[in-house]
PDB file of N, CA and C in Angstrom:
ATOM      1  N   MET A   1      96.563 104.923  76.704  1.00  0.00           N
ATOM      2  CA  MET A   1      97.278 103.733  76.326  1.00  0.00           C
ATOM      3  C   MET A   1      96.555 102.566  76.667  1.00  0.00           C
ATOM      4  N   THR A   2      96.099 101.451  75.733  1.00  0.00           N
ATOM      5  CA  THR A   2      95.194 100.672  75.945  1.00  0.00           C
ATOM      6  C   THR A   2      96.095  99.452  76.890  1.00  0.00           C
ATOM      7  N   ASN A   3      95.242  98.583  77.597  1.00  0.00           N
ATOM      8  CA  ASN A   3      96.010  97.447  78.275  1.00  0.00           C
ATOM      9  C   ASN A   3      96.898  96.659  77.315  1.00  0.00           C
ATOM     10  N   LYS A   4      96.489  96.573  76.099  1.00  0.00           N
ATOM     11  CA  LYS A   4      97.090  95.297  75.168  1.00  0.00           C
ATOM     12  C   LYS A   4      98.496  96.296  74.808  1.00  0.00           C
ATOM     13  N   GLU A   5      98.598  97.445  74.760  1.00  0.00           N
ATOM     14  CA  GLU A   5      99.954  98.089  74.649  1.00  0.00           C
ATOM     15  C   GLU A   5     100.834  98.208  75.826  1.00  0.00           C
ATOM     16  N   LEU A   6     100.053  98.395  76.878  1.00  0.00           N
ATOM     17  CA  LEU A   6     101.057  98.291  78.146  1.00  0.00           C
ATOM     18  C   LEU A   6     101.555  96.663  78.311  1.00  0.00           C
ATOM     19  N   LEU A   7     100.864  95.938  77.889  1.00  0.00           N
ATOM     20  CA  LEU A   7     101.477  94.447  78.081  1.00  0.00           C
ATOM     21  C   LEU A   7     102.549  94.320  77.122  1.00  0.00           C
ATOM     22  N   TYR A   8     102.414  94.984  75.839  1.00  0.00           N
ATOM     23  CA  TYR A   8     103.369  94.790  74.737  1.00  0.00           C
ATOM     24  C   TYR A   8     104.726  95.454  75.208  1.00  0.00           C
ATOM     25  N   ILE A   9     104.766  96.715  75.892  1.00  0.00           N
ATOM     26  CA  ILE A   9     105.664  97.439  76.616  1.00  0.00           C
ATOM     27  C   ILE A   9     106.247  96.758  77.652  1.00  0.00           C
ATOM     28  N   GLU A  10     105.396  96.036  78.241  1.00  0.00           N
ATOM     29  CA  GLU A  10     106.125  95.304  79.510  1.00  0.00           C
ATOM     30  C   GLU A  10     106.988  94.235  79.047  1.00  0.00           C
ATOM     31  N   ASP A  11     106.232  93.566  77.794  1.00  0.00           N
ATOM     32  CA  ASP A  11     107.255  92.371  77.665  1.00  0.00           C
ATOM     33  C   ASP A  11     108.408  92.739  76.698  1.00  0.00           C
ATOM     34  N   ALA A  12     108.382  93.935  75.934  1.00  0.00           N
ATOM     35  CA  ALA A  12     109.708  94.394  75.221  1.00  0.00           C
ATOM     36  C   ALA A  12     110.560  94.649  76.290  1.00  0.00           C
ATOM     37  N   LEU A  13     110.239  95.499  77.617  1.00  0.00           N
ATOM     38  CA  LEU A  13     111.168  95.625  78.597  1.00  0.00           C
ATOM     39  C   LEU A  13     111.885  94.360  79.347  1.00  0.00           C
ATOM     40  N   GLY A  14     111.020  93.187  79.328  1.00  0.00           N
ATOM     41  CA  GLY A  14     111.602  92.003  79.729  1.00  0.00           C
ATOM     42  C   GLY A  14     112.566  91.775  78.745  1.00  0.00           C
ATOM     43  N   HIS A  15     112.484  91.638  77.488  1.00  0.00           N
ATOM     44  CA  HIS A  15     113.217  91.212  76.657  1.00  0.00           C
ATOM     45  C   HIS A  15     114.564  91.767  76.411  1.00  0.00           C
ATOM     46  N   GLU A  16     114.225  93.210  76.422  1.00  0.00           N
ATOM     47  CA  GLU A  16     115.637  94.001  76.610  1.00  0.00           C
ATOM     48  C   GLU A  16     116.532  93.829  77.689  1.00  0.00           C
ATOM     49  N   ASN A  17     115.657  93.668  78.859  1.00  0.00           N
ATOM     50  CA  ASN A  17     116.380  93.321  80.011  1.00  0.00           C
ATOM     51  C   ASN A  17     117.255  91.978  80.096  1.00  0.00           C
ATOM     52  N   ILE A  18     116.633  90.918  79.551  1.00  0.00           N
ATOM     53  CA  ILE A  18     117.378  89.646  79.367  1.00  0.00           C
ATOM     54  C   ILE A  18     118.374  89.852  78.394  1.00  0.00           C
ATOM     55  N   MET A  19     118.252  90.840  77.217  1.00  0.00           N
ATOM     56  CA  MET A  19     119.410  90.822  76.257  1.00  0.00           C
ATOM     57  C   MET A  19     120.496  91.427  76.850  1.00  0.00           C
ATOM     58  N   LYS A  20     120.168  92.652  77.671  1.00  0.00           N
ATOM     59  CA  LYS A  20     121.176  93.283  78.168  1.00  0.00           C
ATOM     60  C   LYS A  20     122.059  92.502  79.288  1.00  0.00           C
ATOM     61  N   SER A  21     121.531  91.802  79.929  1.00  0.00           N
ATOM     62  CA  SER A  21     122.088  90.746  80.881  1.00  0.00           C
ATOM     63  C   SER A  21     123.063  89.709  80.064  1.00  0.00           C
ATOM     64  N   CYS A  22     122.417  89.187  79.050  1.00  0.00           N
ATOM     65  CA  CYS A  22     123.109  88.236  78.145  1.00  0.00           C
ATOM     66  C   CYS A  22     124.461  88.857  77.791  1.00  0.00           C
ATOM     67  N   CYS A  23     124.259  89.993  77.234  1.00  0.00           N
ATOM     68  CA  CYS A  23     125.536  90.487  76.549  1.00  0.00           C
ATOM     69  C   CYS A  23     126.667  91.041  77.553  1.00  0.00           C
ATOM     70  N   THR A  24     126.122  91.372  78.908  1.00  0.00           N
ATOM     71  CA  THR A  24     127.224  91.632  79.836  1.00  0.00           C
ATOM     72  C   THR A  24     127.716  90.286  80.261  1.00  0.00           C
ATOM     73  N   LYS A  25     127.102  89.319  80.607  1.00  0.00           N
ATOM     74  CA  LYS A  25     127.749  88.073  80.839  1.00  0.00           C
ATOM     75  C   LYS A  25     128.603  87.352  79.680  1.00  0.00           C
ATOM     76  N   VAL A  26     128.283  87.521  78.688  1.00  0.00           N
ATOM     77  CA  VAL A  26     129.202  87.134  77.520  1.00  0.00           C
ATOM     78  C   VAL A  26     130.262  87.957  77.352  1.00  0.00           C
ATOM     79  N   ALA A  27     130.035  89.109  77.396  1.00  0.00           N
ATOM     80  CA  ALA A  27     131.459  90.055  77.375  1.00  0.00           C
ATOM     81  C   ALA A  27     132.373  89.689  78.614  1.00  0.00           C
ATOM     82  N   GLY A  28     131.988  89.176  79.524  1.00  0.00           N
ATOM     83  CA  GLY A  28     132.536  88.889  80.616  1.00  0.00           C
ATOM     84  C   GLY A  28     133.478  87.473  80.486  1.00  0.00           C
ATOM     85  N   GLN A  29     133.027  86.853  79.627  1.00  0.00           N
ATOM     86  CA  GLN A  29     133.510  85.426  79.610  1.00  0.00           C
ATOM     87  C   GLN A  29     134.569  85.341  78.238  1.00  0.00           C
ATOM     88  N   LEU A  30     134.360  86.325  77.449  1.00  0.00           N
ATOM     89  CA  LEU A  30     135.095  86.127  75.917  1.00  0.00           C
ATOM     90  C   LEU A  30     136.470  86.684  76.385  1.00  0.00           C
ATOM     91  N   ASN A  31     137.528  86.017  75.650  1.00  0.00           N
ATOM     92  CA  ASN A  31     138.860  86.169  75.783  1.00  0.00           C
ATOM     93  C   ASN A  31     139.407  87.285  74.568  1.00  0.00           C
ATOM     94  N   ASP A  32     138.544  86.981  73.591  1.00  0.00           N
ATOM     95  CA  ASP A  32     138.856  87.906  72.391  1.00  0.00           C
ATOM     96  C   ASP A  32     138.180  89.427  72.529  1.00  0.00           C
ATOM     97  N   SER A  33     139.337  90.337  72.762  1.00  0.00           N
ATOM     98  CA  SER A  33     138.947  91.707  73.285  1.00  0.00           C
ATOM     99  C   SER A  33     138.041  92.361  72.052  1.00  0.00           C
ATOM    100  N   THR A  34     138.117  92.160  70.803  1.00  0.00           N
ATOM    101  CA  THR A  34     137.361  92.621  69.645  1.00  0.00           C
ATOM    102  C   THR A  34     135.712  91.887  69.863  1.00  0.00           C
ATOM    103  N   LEU A  35     135.585  90.984  70.225  1.00  0.00           N
ATOM    104  CA  LEU A  35     134.222  90.468  70.221  1.00  0.00           C
ATOM    105  C   LEU A  35     133.662  90.999  71.802  1.00  0.00           C
ATOM    106  N   ALA A  36     134.497  90.856  72.685  1.00  0.00           N
ATOM    107  CA  ALA A  36     134.124  91.631  74.185  1.00  0.00           C
ATOM    108  C   ALA A  36     133.643  92.965  73.968  1.00  0.00           C
ATOM    109  N   SER A  37     134.368  93.719  73.228  1.00  0.00           N
ATOM    110  CA  SER A  37     133.941  95.074  72.892  1.00  0.00           C
ATOM    111  C   SER A  37     132.640  95.341  72.127  1.00  0.00           C
ATOM    112  N   TYR A  38     132.494  94.376  71.339  1.00  0.00           N
ATOM    113  CA  TYR A  38     131.176  94.314  70.467  1.00  0.00           C
ATOM    114  C   TYR A  38     130.167  93.928  71.293  1.00  0.00           C
ATOM    115  N   MET A  39     130.065  92.988  72.154  1.00  0.00           N
ATOM    116  CA  MET A  39     129.213  92.684  73.085  1.00  0.00           C
ATOM    117  C   MET A  39     128.810  93.816  74.065  1.00  0.00           C
ATOM    118  N   THR A  40     129.887  94.515  74.383  1.00  0.00           N
ATOM    119  CA  THR A  40     129.649  95.716  75.188  1.00  0.00           C
ATOM    120  C   THR A  40     128.820  96.699  74.534  1.00  0.00           C
ATOM    121  N   GLU A  41     129.374  97.025  73.185  1.00  0.00           N
ATOM    122  CA  GLU A  41     128.279  97.908  72.426  1.00  0.00           C
ATOM    123  C   GLU A  41     126.926  97.519  72.301  1.00  0.00           C
ATOM    124  N   LEU A  42     126.685  96.060  72.041  1.00  0.00           N
ATOM    125  CA  LEU A  42     125.334  95.590  72.039  1.00  0.00           C
ATOM    126  C   LEU A  42     124.675  95.731  73.595  1.00  0.00           C
ATOM    127  N   GLU A  43     125.350  95.557  74.592  1.00  0.00           N
ATOM    128  CA  GLU A  43     124.822  95.859  75.868  1.00  0.00           C
ATOM    129  C   GLU A  43     124.246  97.147  76.186  1.00  0.00           C
ATOM    130  N   GLN A  44     125.062  98.181  75.290  1.00  0.00           N
ATOM    131  CA  GLN A  44     124.521  99.625  75.648  1.00  0.00           C
ATOM    132  C   GLN A  44     123.248  99.709  74.641  1.00  0.00           C
ATOM    133  N   LYS A  45     123.295  99.268  73.209  1.00  0.00           N
ATOM    134  CA  LYS A  45     122.471  99.343  72.455  1.00  0.00           C
ATOM    135  C   LYS A  45     120.926  98.882  73.355  1.00  0.00           C
ATOM    136  N   HIS A  46     121.139  97.800  73.961  1.00  0.00           N
ATOM    137  CA  HIS A  46     119.823  97.261  74.581  1.00  0.00           C
ATOM    138  C   HIS A  46     119.568  97.897  75.694  1.00  0.00           C
ATOM    139  N   ASN A  47     120.329  98.719  76.303  1.00  0.00           N
ATOM    140  CA  ASN A  47     120.089  99.528  77.403  1.00  0.00           C
ATOM    141  C   ASN A  47     119.335 100.790  76.937  1.00  0.00           C
ATOM    142  N   ASP A  48     119.818 101.047  75.839  1.00  0.00           N
ATOM    143  CA  ASP A  48     119.085 102.332  75.176  1.00  0.00           C
ATOM    144  C   ASP A  48     117.589 102.122  74.684  1.00  0.00           C
ATOM    145  N   LEU A  49     117.741 100.835  74.141  1.00  0.00           N
ATOM    146  CA  LEU A  49     116.246 100.452  73.704  1.00  0.00           C
ATOM    147  C   LEU A  49     115.439 100.181  74.976  1.00  0.00           C
ATOM    148  N   PHE A  50     115.950  99.690  75.965  1.00  0.00           N
ATOM    149  CA  PHE A  50     115.154  99.499  77.432  1.00  0.00           C
ATOM    150  C   PHE A  50     114.671 100.745  77.799  1.00  0.00           C
ATOM    151  N   ASN A  51     115.447 101.700  77.819  1.00  0.00           N
ATOM    152  CA  ASN A  51     115.182 103.083  78.341  1.00  0.00           C
ATOM    153  C   ASN A  51     114.201 103.699  77.375  1.00  0.00           C
ATOM    154  N   SER A  52     114.227 103.651  76.035  1.00  0.00           N
ATOM    155  CA  SER A  52     113.158 104.249  75.117  1.00  0.00           C
ATOM    156  C   SER A  52     111.830 103.559  75.461  1.00  0.00           C
ATOM    157  N   PHE A  53     111.810 102.233  75.709  1.00  0.00           N
ATOM    158  CA  PHE A  53     110.414 101.582  76.012  1.00  0.00           C
ATOM    159  C   PHE A  53     109.970 102.179  77.267  1.00  0.00           C
ATOM    160  N   LEU A  54     110.965 102.373  78.125  1.00  0.00           N
ATOM    161  CA  LEU A  54     110.391 102.907  79.652  1.00  0.00           C
ATOM    162  C   LEU A  54     110.166 104.375  79.473  1.00  0.00           C
ATOM    163  N   ASN A  55     110.537 105.109  78.756  1.00  0.00           N
ATOM    164  CA  ASN A  55     109.950 106.412  78.446  1.00  0.00           C
ATOM    165  C   ASN A  55     108.702 106.475  77.968  1.00  0.00           C
ATOM    166  N   LEU A  56     108.049 105.473  77.385  1.00  0.00           N
ATOM    167  CA  LEU A  56     106.855 105.566  76.640  1.00  0.00           C
ATOM    168  C   LEU A  56     105.664 105.232  77.737  1.00  0.00           C
ATOM    169  N   LEU A  57     106.256 105.013  79.133  1.00  0.00           N
ATOM    170  CA  LEU A  57     105.109 104.917  80.034  1.00  0.00           C
ATOM    171  C   LEU A  57     105.013 106.203  80.658  1.00  0.00           C
TER     172      LEU A  57
END
């Protein structure tokens, strides 16, 4: 794997980690249970994407 590819994966891991954190934070602040549930689903999706990128290493 080239240095440029490693930098891309590192960047993608950072973005997915930020998105996962944001989804967790927002889900905890929402009063609407439907929206909170959706944010929890998005959190899981970003967690799965994070793990997929991590498995590339």
